[in-house]
Amino acid sequence: MRLMLDAHVSGPRVGEALESMCYSVRAVDQEKELERLPDELLFDLAVEENRIMVTQNVKDFMQILKQRPPEKGHSGLLLIPHSVKLNDFGTLISGIRKTLSGLSQGEWVDRVEWMRRARSS
């Protein structure tokens, strides 16, 4: 599964953990050239690379989707609720994995999902 983590989703903590679980991850906070990109271009890059965009920036990315011509499509958008603290790495990692599970990369095309929380054991 190919992912693009937005700037506020920790690449060193969340991204590296997901990579160790066989996800292909690019993290904006780990690549200077990505940090400078406006959200629209970052989303376009995620689409170009067939990556699901993972973000808590719901307002901006939903606006980008709204303005995007339907024929352009996208590779998927996974939204993190504002109720989830971005420094709660365990919740982020397990929630992202739970939300992605059961779907192929192709099934994420043009799909928007809220991150689901994994149940505590």
Protein backbone atom coordinates (compact mmCIF):
# COMPACT_ATOMS: atom_id res chain seq x y z
CA MET A 1 0.00 0.00 0.00
CA ARG A 2 1.41 3.39 -1.02
CA LEU A 3 0.90 6.38 1.28
CA MET A 4 1.71 10.10 1.42
CA LEU A 5 1.75 11.44 5.00
CA ASP A 6 0.91 15.13 5.27
CA ALA A 7 3.27 17.48 7.11
CA HIS A 8 1.76 17.06 10.58
CA VAL A 9 1.73 13.25 10.53
CA SER A 10 5.15 12.24 11.87
CA GLY A 11 7.35 10.57 9.29
CA PRO A 12 9.94 9.38 11.84
CA ARG A 13 7.35 7.85 14.16
CA VAL A 14 4.30 6.97 12.08
CA GLY A 15 5.92 6.63 8.65
CA GLU A 16 8.82 4.46 9.77
CA ALA A 17 6.49 2.19 11.77
CA LEU A 18 4.25 1.75 8.72
CA GLU A 19 7.28 1.10 6.49
CA SER A 20 8.37 -1.66 8.87
CA MET A 21 4.93 -3.21 8.21
CA CYS A 22 5.56 -3.20 4.43
CA TYR A 23 3.78 0.05 3.51
CA SER A 24 5.49 2.34 0.99
CA VAL A 25 5.53 5.76 2.67
CA ARG A 26 6.55 9.27 1.69
CA ALA A 27 6.32 11.76 4.54
CA VAL A 28 6.19 15.50 3.89
CA ASP A 29 8.06 16.28 7.12
CA GLN A 30 11.00 14.14 5.92
CA GLU A 31 11.50 15.69 2.47
CA LYS A 32 12.35 19.39 2.20
CA GLU A 33 11.13 19.62 -1.40
CA LEU A 34 7.71 18.33 -0.32
CA GLU A 35 7.46 20.74 2.63
CA ARG A 36 7.48 23.67 0.20
CA LEU A 37 4.64 22.37 -1.97
CA PRO A 38 1.16 23.86 -1.62
CA ASP A 39 -1.48 21.29 -0.66
CA GLU A 40 -2.93 21.18 -4.20
CA LEU A 41 0.43 20.19 -5.71
CA LEU A 42 1.12 17.74 -2.90
CA PHE A 43 -2.22 16.06 -3.61
CA ASP A 44 -1.42 15.99 -7.35
CA LEU A 45 1.92 14.34 -6.55
CA ALA A 46 0.19 11.74 -4.38
CA VAL A 47 -2.16 10.99 -7.29
CA GLU A 48 0.73 10.85 -9.78
CA GLU A 49 2.55 8.35 -7.53
CA ASN A 50 -0.64 6.39 -6.79
CA ARG A 51 -0.43 7.17 -3.06
CA ILE A 52 -3.26 7.55 -0.57
CA MET A 53 -3.06 10.99 1.05
CA VAL A 54 -3.15 10.75 4.86
CA THR A 55 -3.96 14.05 6.58
CA GLN A 56 -5.69 15.79 9.45
CA ASN A 57 -6.06 18.90 7.29
CA VAL A 58 -9.67 18.06 6.52
CA LYS A 59 -10.80 21.57 5.55
CA ASP A 60 -8.14 22.18 2.91
CA PHE A 61 -8.09 18.72 1.36
CA MET A 62 -11.88 18.47 1.14
CA GLN A 63 -11.83 21.87 -0.60
CA ILE A 64 -9.19 20.55 -3.02
CA LEU A 65 -11.41 17.55 -3.78
CA LYS A 66 -14.45 19.77 -4.25
CA GLN A 67 -12.59 21.92 -6.80
CA ARG A 68 -10.95 18.98 -8.56
CA PRO A 69 -12.57 18.00 -11.88
CA PRO A 70 -14.23 14.57 -11.44
CA GLU A 71 -12.46 13.18 -14.51
CA LYS A 72 -9.07 13.77 -12.82
CA GLY A 73 -9.82 11.33 -10.01
CA HIS A 74 -7.49 10.64 -7.10
CA SER A 75 -5.70 7.80 -5.32
CA GLY A 76 -7.58 8.06 -2.05
CA LEU A 77 -7.83 10.34 0.95
CA LEU A 78 -7.60 9.10 4.53
CA LEU A 79 -8.75 11.77 6.98
CA ILE A 80 -7.60 11.79 10.59
CA PRO A 81 -10.26 13.20 12.96
CA HIS A 82 -9.27 16.26 14.99
CA SER A 83 -10.15 14.27 18.11
CA VAL A 84 -6.97 12.22 17.49
CA LYS A 85 -3.84 13.87 18.83
CA LEU A 86 -1.05 13.86 16.28
CA ASN A 87 1.46 12.88 18.97
CA ASP A 88 -0.57 9.77 19.86
CA PHE A 89 1.55 7.66 17.54
CA GLY A 90 0.14 4.29 18.58
CA THR A 91 -3.43 5.41 17.86
CA LEU A 92 -2.38 6.87 14.51
CA ILE A 93 -0.48 3.77 13.41
CA SER A 94 -3.17 1.30 14.47
CA GLY A 95 -5.98 3.51 13.13
CA ILE A 96 -4.34 3.98 9.74
CA ARG A 97 -3.70 0.22 9.49
CA LYS A 98 -7.30 -0.60 10.49
CA THR A 99 -8.71 1.85 7.94
CA LEU A 100 -6.51 0.49 5.15
CA SER A 101 -7.08 -3.17 5.97
CA GLY A 102 -9.31 -5.21 3.72
CA LEU A 103 -8.97 -2.85 0.75
CA SER A 104 -6.51 -3.03 -2.11
CA GLN A 105 -4.67 0.03 -3.42
CA GLY A 106 -7.04 0.03 -6.40
CA GLU A 107 -10.10 0.07 -4.17
CA TRP A 108 -8.89 3.37 -2.71
CA VAL A 109 -9.23 5.17 -6.06
CA ASP A 110 -11.62 8.13 -5.58
CA ARG A 111 -12.34 6.95 -2.02
CA VAL A 112 -12.44 9.21 1.05
CA GLU A 113 -12.44 7.59 4.49
CA TRP A 114 -12.17 8.78 8.06
CA MET A 115 -9.53 6.97 10.07
CA ARG A 116 -11.07 4.26 12.22
CA ARG A 117 -9.75 3.62 15.67
CA ALA A 118 -8.48 0.15 16.40
CA ARG A 119 -10.20 -1.45 19.37
CA SER A 120 -8.15 -1.86 22.52
CA SER A 121 -7.48 -5.43 23.54
